């Protein structure tokens, strides 16, 4: 899968927000706010094909987290991205 074109990660007042590059595509009822780790993951996979295992590897390589926790957290994040229509 891949993050869909037309969405960008922006930081406003310390908050990481995913927005559309086109005002016509913005659905303000589904503003996506990411925490520091989720924003970092977004930056790592932006423009690349990736899957759940890639997210898990990124987390376990960077943070002191076991693979099971990283997999669970990555799946939850990925589910939110899919539900919001950010990946395809």
PDB file of N, CA and C in Angstrom:
ATOM      1  N   UNK A   1       0.841  -1.176   0.000  1.00  0.00           N
ATOM      2  CA  UNK A   1       0.000   0.000   0.000  1.00  0.00           C
ATOM      3  C   UNK A   1       0.878   1.228   0.000  1.00  0.00           C
ATOM      4  N   UNK A   2       0.233   2.374  -0.196  1.00  0.00           N
ATOM      5  CA  UNK A   2       0.967   3.623  -0.299  1.00  0.00           C
ATOM      6  C   UNK A   2       0.068   4.754   0.190  1.00  0.00           C
ATOM      7  N   UNK A   3       0.674   5.772   0.799  1.00  0.00           N
ATOM      8  CA  UNK A   3      -0.086   6.965   1.150  1.00  0.00           C
ATOM      9  C   UNK A   3      -0.552   7.600  -0.156  1.00  0.00           C
ATOM     10  N   UNK A   4      -1.809   8.013  -0.210  1.00  0.00           N
ATOM     11  CA  UNK A   4      -2.350   8.580  -1.439  1.00  0.00           C
ATOM     12  C   UNK A   4      -1.776   9.957  -1.713  1.00  0.00           C
ATOM     13  N   UNK A   5      -1.572  10.241  -2.974  1.00  0.00           N
ATOM     14  CA  UNK A   5      -1.104  11.563  -3.382  1.00  0.00           C
ATOM     15  C   UNK A   5      -2.137  12.607  -2.998  1.00  0.00           C
ATOM     16  N   UNK A   6      -1.673  13.797  -2.741  1.00  0.00           N
ATOM     17  CA  UNK A   6      -2.573  14.903  -2.446  1.00  0.00           C
ATOM     18  C   UNK A   6      -2.751  15.188  -0.971  1.00  0.00           C
ATOM     19  N   UNK A   7      -2.171  14.333  -0.113  1.00  0.00           N
ATOM     20  CA  UNK A   7      -2.229  14.567   1.322  1.00  0.00           C
ATOM     21  C   UNK A   7      -0.831  14.897   1.821  1.00  0.00           C
ATOM     22  N   UNK A   8      -0.759  15.870   2.701  1.00  0.00           N
ATOM     23  CA  UNK A   8       0.535  16.279   3.243  1.00  0.00           C
ATOM     24  C   UNK A   8       0.449  16.406   4.755  1.00  0.00           C
ATOM     25  N   UNK A   9       1.570  16.149   5.394  1.00  0.00           N
ATOM     26  CA  UNK A   9       1.683  16.311   6.838  1.00  0.00           C
ATOM     27  C   UNK A   9       2.171  17.717   7.110  1.00  0.00           C
ATOM     28  N   UNK A  10       1.437  18.450   7.920  1.00  0.00           N
ATOM     29  CA  UNK A  10       1.812  19.812   8.282  1.00  0.00           C
ATOM     30  C   UNK A  10       1.840  19.911   9.806  1.00  0.00           C
ATOM     31  N   UNK A  11       2.627  20.845  10.301  1.00  0.00           N
ATOM     32  CA  UNK A  11       2.677  21.084  11.741  1.00  0.00           C
ATOM     33  C   UNK A  11       2.184  22.498  12.011  1.00  0.00           C
ATOM     34  N   UNK A  12       1.121  22.597  12.820  1.00  0.00           N
ATOM     35  CA  UNK A  12       0.540  23.873  13.215  1.00  0.00           C
ATOM     36  C   UNK A  12       0.547  23.948  14.730  1.00  0.00           C
ATOM     37  N   UNK A  13       1.220  24.946  15.262  1.00  0.00           N
ATOM     38  CA  UNK A  13       1.261  25.161  16.719  1.00  0.00           C
ATOM     39  C   UNK A  13       1.640  23.883  17.467  1.00  0.00           C
ATOM     40  N   UNK A  14       2.594  23.150  16.928  1.00  0.00           N
ATOM     41  CA  UNK A  14       3.060  21.932  17.577  1.00  0.00           C
ATOM     42  C   UNK A  14       2.208  20.704  17.333  1.00  0.00           C
ATOM     43  N   UNK A  15       1.114  20.834  16.599  1.00  0.00           N
ATOM     44  CA  UNK A  15       0.234  19.705  16.279  1.00  0.00           C
ATOM     45  C   UNK A  15       0.525  19.216  14.867  1.00  0.00           C
ATOM     46  N   UNK A  16       0.617  17.902  14.700  1.00  0.00           N
ATOM     47  CA  UNK A  16       0.839  17.301  13.382  1.00  0.00           C
ATOM     48  C   UNK A  16      -0.512  16.980  12.768  1.00  0.00           C
ATOM     49  N   UNK A  17      -0.799  17.580  11.618  1.00  0.00           N
ATOM     50  CA  UNK A  17      -2.090  17.450  10.963  1.00  0.00           C
ATOM     51  C   UNK A  17      -1.884  16.996   9.521  1.00  0.00           C
ATOM     52  N   UNK A  18      -2.674  16.010   9.094  1.00  0.00           N
ATOM     53  CA  UNK A  18      -2.669  15.605   7.699  1.00  0.00           C
ATOM     54  C   UNK A  18      -3.768  16.393   7.003  1.00  0.00           C
ATOM     55  N   UNK A  19      -3.383  17.098   5.929  1.00  0.00           N
ATOM     56  CA  UNK A  19      -4.340  17.903   5.174  1.00  0.00           C
ATOM     57  C   UNK A  19      -4.228  17.577   3.696  1.00  0.00           C
ATOM     58  N   UNK A  20      -5.202  18.029   2.967  1.00  0.00           N
ATOM     59  CA  UNK A  20      -5.203  17.866   1.528  1.00  0.00           C
ATOM     60  C   UNK A  20      -4.498  19.046   0.893  1.00  0.00           C
ATOM     61  N   UNK A  21      -3.776  18.797  -0.176  1.00  0.00           N
ATOM     62  CA  UNK A  21      -3.141  19.880  -0.914  1.00  0.00           C
ATOM     63  C   UNK A  21      -4.181  20.726  -1.640  1.00  0.00           C
ATOM     64  N   UNK A  22      -5.350  20.141  -1.897  1.00  0.00           N
ATOM     65  CA  UNK A  22      -6.416  20.827  -2.624  1.00  0.00           C
ATOM     66  C   UNK A  22      -7.553  21.156  -1.676  1.00  0.00           C
ATOM     67  N   UNK A  23      -7.927  22.414  -1.608  1.00  0.00           N
ATOM     68  CA  UNK A  23      -9.028  22.821  -0.723  1.00  0.00           C
ATOM     69  C   UNK A  23     -10.324  22.121  -1.106  1.00  0.00           C
ATOM     70  N   UNK A  24     -10.475  21.766  -2.360  1.00  0.00           N
ATOM     71  CA  UNK A  24     -11.697  21.099  -2.808  1.00  0.00           C
ATOM     72  C   UNK A  24     -11.829  19.698  -2.214  1.00  0.00           C
ATOM     73  N   UNK A  25     -10.713  19.091  -1.811  1.00  0.00           N
ATOM     74  CA  UNK A  25     -10.742  17.729  -1.272  1.00  0.00           C
ATOM     75  C   UNK A  25     -10.830  17.683   0.241  1.00  0.00           C
ATOM     76  N   UNK A  26     -10.756  18.804   0.910  1.00  0.00           N
ATOM     77  CA  UNK A  26     -10.729  18.812   2.366  1.00  0.00           C
ATOM     78  C   UNK A  26     -12.107  18.494   2.930  1.00  0.00           C
ATOM     79  N   UNK A  27     -12.158  17.498   3.788  1.00  0.00           N
ATOM     80  CA  UNK A  27     -13.363  17.155   4.531  1.00  0.00           C
ATOM     81  C   UNK A  27     -13.061  17.502   5.984  1.00  0.00           C
ATOM     82  N   UNK A  28     -13.532  18.661   6.416  1.00  0.00           N
ATOM     83  CA  UNK A  28     -13.179  19.149   7.751  1.00  0.00           C
ATOM     84  C   UNK A  28     -13.771  18.302   8.876  1.00  0.00           C
ATOM     85  N   UNK A  29     -14.668  17.392   8.551  1.00  0.00           N
ATOM     86  CA  UNK A  29     -15.187  16.497   9.581  1.00  0.00           C
ATOM     87  C   UNK A  29     -14.200  15.357   9.848  1.00  0.00           C
ATOM     88  N   UNK A  30     -13.176  15.237   9.013  1.00  0.00           N
ATOM     89  CA  UNK A  30     -12.199  14.161   9.167  1.00  0.00           C
ATOM     90  C   UNK A  30     -10.774  14.699   9.176  1.00  0.00           C
ATOM     91  N   UNK A  31     -10.531  15.737   9.958  1.00  0.00           N
ATOM     92  CA  UNK A  31      -9.167  16.237  10.118  1.00  0.00           C
ATOM     93  C   UNK A  31      -8.376  15.159  10.857  1.00  0.00           C
ATOM     94  N   UNK A  32      -7.202  14.858  10.372  1.00  0.00           N
ATOM     95  CA  UNK A  32      -6.393  13.804  10.967  1.00  0.00           C
ATOM     96  C   UNK A  32      -5.239  14.435  11.738  1.00  0.00           C
ATOM     97  N   UNK A  33      -5.223  14.191  13.026  1.00  0.00           N
ATOM     98  CA  UNK A  33      -4.166  14.676  13.892  1.00  0.00           C
ATOM     99  C   UNK A  33      -3.288  13.483  14.268  1.00  0.00           C
ATOM    100  N   UNK A  34      -1.982  13.647  14.158  1.00  0.00           N
ATOM    101  CA  UNK A  34      -1.049  12.567  14.468  1.00  0.00           C
ATOM    102  C   UNK A  34      -0.158  12.961  15.634  1.00  0.00           C
ATOM    103  N   UNK A  35       0.135  11.974  16.489  1.00  0.00           N
ATOM    104  CA  UNK A  35       1.107  12.239  17.544  1.00  0.00           C
ATOM    105  C   UNK A  35       2.508  12.212  16.942  1.00  0.00           C
ATOM    106  N   UNK A  36       3.495  12.485  17.743  1.00  0.00           N
ATOM    107  CA  UNK A  36       4.873  12.593  17.265  1.00  0.00           C
ATOM    108  C   UNK A  36       5.334  11.324  16.550  1.00  0.00           C
ATOM    109  N   UNK A  37       5.039  10.170  17.121  1.00  0.00           N
ATOM    110  CA  UNK A  37       5.475   8.898  16.540  1.00  0.00           C
ATOM    111  C   UNK A  37       4.749   8.613  15.231  1.00  0.00           C
ATOM    112  N   UNK A  38       3.441   8.828  15.194  1.00  0.00           N
ATOM    113  CA  UNK A  38       2.670   8.599  13.969  1.00  0.00           C
ATOM    114  C   UNK A  38       3.128   9.545  12.861  1.00  0.00           C
ATOM    115  N   UNK A  39       3.442  10.782  13.217  1.00  0.00           N
ATOM    116  CA  UNK A  39       3.948  11.741  12.235  1.00  0.00           C
ATOM    117  C   UNK A  39       5.304  11.276  11.695  1.00  0.00           C
ATOM    118  N   UNK A  40       6.147  10.762  12.577  1.00  0.00           N
ATOM    119  CA  UNK A  40       7.446  10.245  12.141  1.00  0.00           C
ATOM    120  C   UNK A  40       7.254   9.064  11.183  1.00  0.00           C
ATOM    121  N   UNK A  41       6.331   8.159  11.515  1.00  0.00           N
ATOM    122  CA  UNK A  41       6.054   7.030  10.619  1.00  0.00           C
ATOM    123  C   UNK A  41       5.573   7.531   9.260  1.00  0.00           C
ATOM    124  N   UNK A  42       4.674   8.515   9.260  1.00  0.00           N
ATOM    125  CA  UNK A  42       4.175   9.091   8.008  1.00  0.00           C
ATOM    126  C   UNK A  42       5.355   9.563   7.148  1.00  0.00           C
ATOM    127  N   UNK A  43       6.261  10.302   7.766  1.00  0.00           N
ATOM    128  CA  UNK A  43       7.418  10.827   7.039  1.00  0.00           C
ATOM    129  C   UNK A  43       8.290   9.704   6.470  1.00  0.00           C
ATOM    130  N   UNK A  44       8.394   8.593   7.194  1.00  0.00           N
ATOM    131  CA  UNK A  44       9.239   7.485   6.753  1.00  0.00           C
ATOM    132  C   UNK A  44       8.650   6.738   5.560  1.00  0.00           C
ATOM    133  N   UNK A  45       7.332   6.663   5.454  1.00  0.00           N
ATOM    134  CA  UNK A  45       6.703   5.882   4.380  1.00  0.00           C
ATOM    135  C   UNK A  45       6.153   6.752   3.249  1.00  0.00           C
ATOM    136  N   UNK A  46       6.190   8.068   3.418  1.00  0.00           N
ATOM    137  CA  UNK A  46       5.659   8.960   2.397  1.00  0.00           C
ATOM    138  C   UNK A  46       6.366   8.730   1.057  1.00  0.00           C
ATOM    139  N   UNK A  47       5.567   8.498   0.007  1.00  0.00           N
ATOM    140  CA  UNK A  47       6.108   8.279  -1.332  1.00  0.00           C
ATOM    141  C   UNK A  47       6.631   6.879  -1.582  1.00  0.00           C
ATOM    142  N   UNK A  48       6.431   5.966  -0.629  1.00  0.00           N
ATOM    143  CA  UNK A  48       6.960   4.606  -0.751  1.00  0.00           C
ATOM    144  C   UNK A  48       5.833   3.589  -0.597  1.00  0.00           C
ATOM    145  N   UNK A  49       6.035   2.413  -1.194  1.00  0.00           N
ATOM    146  CA  UNK A  49       5.149   1.286  -0.907  1.00  0.00           C
ATOM    147  C   UNK A  49       5.549   0.739   0.458  1.00  0.00           C
ATOM    148  N   UNK A  50       4.548   0.385   1.266  1.00  0.00           N
ATOM    149  CA  UNK A  50       4.835  -0.144   2.598  1.00  0.00           C
ATOM    150  C   UNK A  50       3.706  -1.073   3.025  1.00  0.00           C
ATOM    151  N   UNK A  51       3.968  -1.828   4.053  1.00  0.00           N
ATOM    152  CA  UNK A  51       2.935  -2.676   4.647  1.00  0.00           C
ATOM    153  C   UNK A  51       3.098  -2.655   6.167  1.00  0.00           C
ATOM    154  N   UNK A  52       2.283  -3.423   6.841  1.00  0.00           N
ATOM    155  CA  UNK A  52       2.304  -3.460   8.300  1.00  0.00           C
ATOM    156  C   UNK A  52       3.687  -3.835   8.825  1.00  0.00           C
ATOM    157  N   UNK A  53       4.324  -4.814   8.192  1.00  0.00           N
ATOM    158  CA  UNK A  53       5.652  -5.238   8.650  1.00  0.00           C
ATOM    159  C   UNK A  53       6.676  -4.105   8.568  1.00  0.00           C
ATOM    160  N   UNK A  54       6.543  -3.256   7.562  1.00  0.00           N
ATOM    161  CA  UNK A  54       7.455  -2.118   7.446  1.00  0.00           C
ATOM    162  C   UNK A  54       7.271  -1.153   8.620  1.00  0.00           C
ATOM    163  N   UNK A  55       6.027  -0.883   8.984  1.00  0.00           N
ATOM    164  CA  UNK A  55       5.767   0.002  10.120  1.00  0.00           C
ATOM    165  C   UNK A  55       6.318  -0.592  11.408  1.00  0.00           C
ATOM    166  N   UNK A  56       6.120  -1.889  11.591  1.00  0.00           N
ATOM    167  CA  UNK A  56       6.631  -2.569  12.788  1.00  0.00           C
ATOM    168  C   UNK A  56       8.154  -2.463  12.842  1.00  0.00           C
ATOM    169  N   UNK A  57       8.817  -2.711  11.727  1.00  0.00           N
ATOM    170  CA  UNK A  57      10.278  -2.642  11.688  1.00  0.00           C
ATOM    171  C   UNK A  57      10.773  -1.228  11.989  1.00  0.00           C
ATOM    172  N   UNK A  58      10.096  -0.230  11.439  1.00  0.00           N
ATOM    173  CA  UNK A  58      10.482   1.152  11.720  1.00  0.00           C
ATOM    174  C   UNK A  58      10.397   1.449  13.212  1.00  0.00           C
ATOM    175  N   UNK A  59       9.309   1.015  13.838  1.00  0.00           N
ATOM    176  CA  UNK A  59       9.134   1.276  15.269  1.00  0.00           C
ATOM    177  C   UNK A  59      10.151   0.545  16.125  1.00  0.00           C
ATOM    178  N   UNK A  60      10.373  -0.729  15.829  1.00  0.00           N
ATOM    179  CA  UNK A  60      11.294  -1.498  16.665  1.00  0.00           C
ATOM    180  C   UNK A  60      12.740  -1.062  16.455  1.00  0.00           C
ATOM    181  N   UNK A  61      13.059  -0.536  15.276  1.00  0.00           N
ATOM    182  CA  UNK A  61      14.420  -0.049  15.026  1.00  0.00           C
ATOM    183  C   UNK A  61      14.686   1.271  15.737  1.00  0.00           C
ATOM    184  N   UNK A  62      13.656   2.103  15.854  1.00  0.00           N
ATOM    185  CA  UNK A  62      13.859   3.449  16.417  1.00  0.00           C
ATOM    186  C   UNK A  62      13.583   3.518  17.922  1.00  0.00           C
ATOM    187  N   UNK A  63      12.600   2.760  18.375  1.00  0.00           N
ATOM    188  CA  UNK A  63      12.159   2.874  19.770  1.00  0.00           C
ATOM    189  C   UNK A  63      12.409   1.581  20.530  1.00  0.00           C
ATOM    190  N   UNK A  64      12.447   1.688  21.828  1.00  0.00           N
ATOM    191  CA  UNK A  64      12.605   0.529  22.697  1.00  0.00           C
ATOM    192  C   UNK A  64      11.227  -0.091  22.926  1.00  0.00           C
ATOM    193  N   UNK A  65      10.765  -0.817  21.922  1.00  0.00           N
ATOM    194  CA  UNK A  65       9.433  -1.420  21.971  1.00  0.00           C
ATOM    195  C   UNK A  65       9.528  -2.833  21.409  1.00  0.00           C
ATOM    196  N   UNK A  66       8.783  -3.756  22.009  1.00  0.00           N
ATOM    197  CA  UNK A  66       8.807  -5.134  21.525  1.00  0.00           C
ATOM    198  C   UNK A  66       7.946  -5.246  20.261  1.00  0.00           C
ATOM    199  N   UNK A  67       8.217  -6.262  19.486  1.00  0.00           N
ATOM    200  CA  UNK A  67       7.550  -6.442  18.191  1.00  0.00           C
ATOM    201  C   UNK A  67       6.032  -6.592  18.332  1.00  0.00           C
ATOM    202  N   UNK A  68       5.571  -7.258  19.374  1.00  0.00           N
ATOM    203  CA  UNK A  68       4.138  -7.463  19.559  1.00  0.00           C
ATOM    204  C   UNK A  68       3.423  -6.131  19.794  1.00  0.00           C
ATOM    205  N   UNK A  69       3.976  -5.290  20.639  1.00  0.00           N
ATOM    206  CA  UNK A  69       3.385  -3.974  20.899  1.00  0.00           C
ATOM    207  C   UNK A  69       3.454  -3.106  19.647  1.00  0.00           C
ATOM    208  N   UNK A  70       4.600  -3.139  18.969  1.00  0.00           N
ATOM    209  CA  UNK A  70       4.759  -2.359  17.740  1.00  0.00           C
ATOM    210  C   UNK A  70       3.749  -2.801  16.685  1.00  0.00           C
ATOM    211  N   UNK A  71       3.510  -4.102  16.571  1.00  0.00           N
ATOM    212  CA  UNK A  71       2.543  -4.616  15.592  1.00  0.00           C
ATOM    213  C   UNK A  71       1.128  -4.162  15.943  1.00  0.00           C
ATOM    214  N   UNK A  72       0.762  -4.260  17.197  1.00  0.00           N
ATOM    215  CA  UNK A  72      -0.573  -3.848  17.625  1.00  0.00           C
ATOM    216  C   UNK A  72      -0.797  -2.355  17.379  1.00  0.00           C
ATOM    217  N   UNK A  73       0.177  -1.539  17.772  1.00  0.00           N
ATOM    218  CA  UNK A  73       0.056  -0.095  17.589  1.00  0.00           C
ATOM    219  C   UNK A  73       0.056   0.280  16.107  1.00  0.00           C
ATOM    220  N   UNK A  74       0.899  -0.380  15.316  1.00  0.00           N
ATOM    221  CA  UNK A  74       0.959  -0.103  13.885  1.00  0.00           C
ATOM    222  C   UNK A  74      -0.350  -0.474  13.191  1.00  0.00           C
ATOM    223  N   UNK A  75      -0.945  -1.584  13.606  1.00  0.00           N
ATOM    224  CA  UNK A  75      -2.205  -2.005  13.006  1.00  0.00           C
ATOM    225  C   UNK A  75      -3.313  -0.994  13.307  1.00  0.00           C
ATOM    226  N   UNK A  76      -3.356  -0.502  14.532  1.00  0.00           N
ATOM    227  CA  UNK A  76      -4.354   0.501  14.891  1.00  0.00           C
ATOM    228  C   UNK A  76      -4.177   1.768  14.060  1.00  0.00           C
ATOM    229  N   UNK A  77      -2.929   2.210  13.906  1.00  0.00           N
ATOM    230  CA  UNK A  77      -2.650   3.408  13.111  1.00  0.00           C
ATOM    231  C   UNK A  77      -3.021   3.177  11.651  1.00  0.00           C
ATOM    232  N   UNK A  78      -2.625   2.054  11.112  1.00  0.00           N
ATOM    233  CA  UNK A  78      -2.920   1.734   9.722  1.00  0.00           C
ATOM    234  C   UNK A  78      -4.428   1.655   9.485  1.00  0.00           C
ATOM    235  N   UNK A  79      -5.155   1.067  10.419  1.00  0.00           N
ATOM    236  CA  UNK A  79      -6.619   1.005  10.310  1.00  0.00           C
ATOM    237  C   UNK A  79      -7.225   2.405  10.246  1.00  0.00           C
ATOM    238  N   UNK A  80      -6.703   3.319  11.052  1.00  0.00           N
ATOM    239  CA  UNK A  80      -7.198   4.704  11.036  1.00  0.00           C
ATOM    240  C   UNK A  80      -6.889   5.380   9.711  1.00  0.00           C
ATOM    241  N   UNK A  81      -5.684   5.153   9.183  1.00  0.00           N
ATOM    242  CA  UNK A  81      -5.319   5.734   7.890  1.00  0.00           C
ATOM    243  C   UNK A  81      -6.211   5.180   6.772  1.00  0.00           C
ATOM    244  N   UNK A  82      -6.500   3.896   6.824  1.00  0.00           N
ATOM    245  CA  UNK A  82      -7.363   3.271   5.807  1.00  0.00           C
ATOM    246  C   UNK A  82      -8.775   3.846   5.921  1.00  0.00           C
ATOM    247  N   UNK A  83      -9.297   3.896   7.144  1.00  0.00           N
ATOM    248  CA  UNK A  83     -10.647   4.417   7.383  1.00  0.00           C
ATOM    249  C   UNK A  83     -10.782   5.870   6.911  1.00  0.00           C
ATOM    250  N   UNK A  84      -9.722   6.647   7.073  1.00  0.00           N
ATOM    251  CA  UNK A  84      -9.744   8.054   6.666  1.00  0.00           C
ATOM    252  C   UNK A  84      -9.490   8.221   5.168  1.00  0.00           C
ATOM    253  N   UNK A  85      -9.179   7.131   4.466  1.00  0.00           N
ATOM    254  CA  UNK A  85      -8.936   7.217   3.031  1.00  0.00           C
ATOM    255  C   UNK A  85      -7.584   7.802   2.668  1.00  0.00           C
ATOM    256  N   UNK A  86      -6.604   7.608   3.539  1.00  0.00           N
ATOM    257  CA  UNK A  86      -5.275   8.164   3.296  1.00  0.00           C
ATOM    258  C   UNK A  86      -4.331   7.209   2.584  1.00  0.00           C
ATOM    259  N   UNK A  87      -4.673   5.924   2.534  1.00  0.00           N
ATOM    260  CA  UNK A  87      -3.812   4.928   1.890  1.00  0.00           C
ATOM    261  C   UNK A  87      -4.600   4.140   0.860  1.00  0.00           C
ATOM    262  N   UNK A  88      -3.884   3.619  -0.089  1.00  0.00           N
ATOM    263  CA  UNK A  88      -4.528   2.816  -1.108  1.00  0.00           C
ATOM    264  C   UNK A  88      -3.619   1.730  -1.594  1.00  0.00           C
TER     265      UNK A  88
END
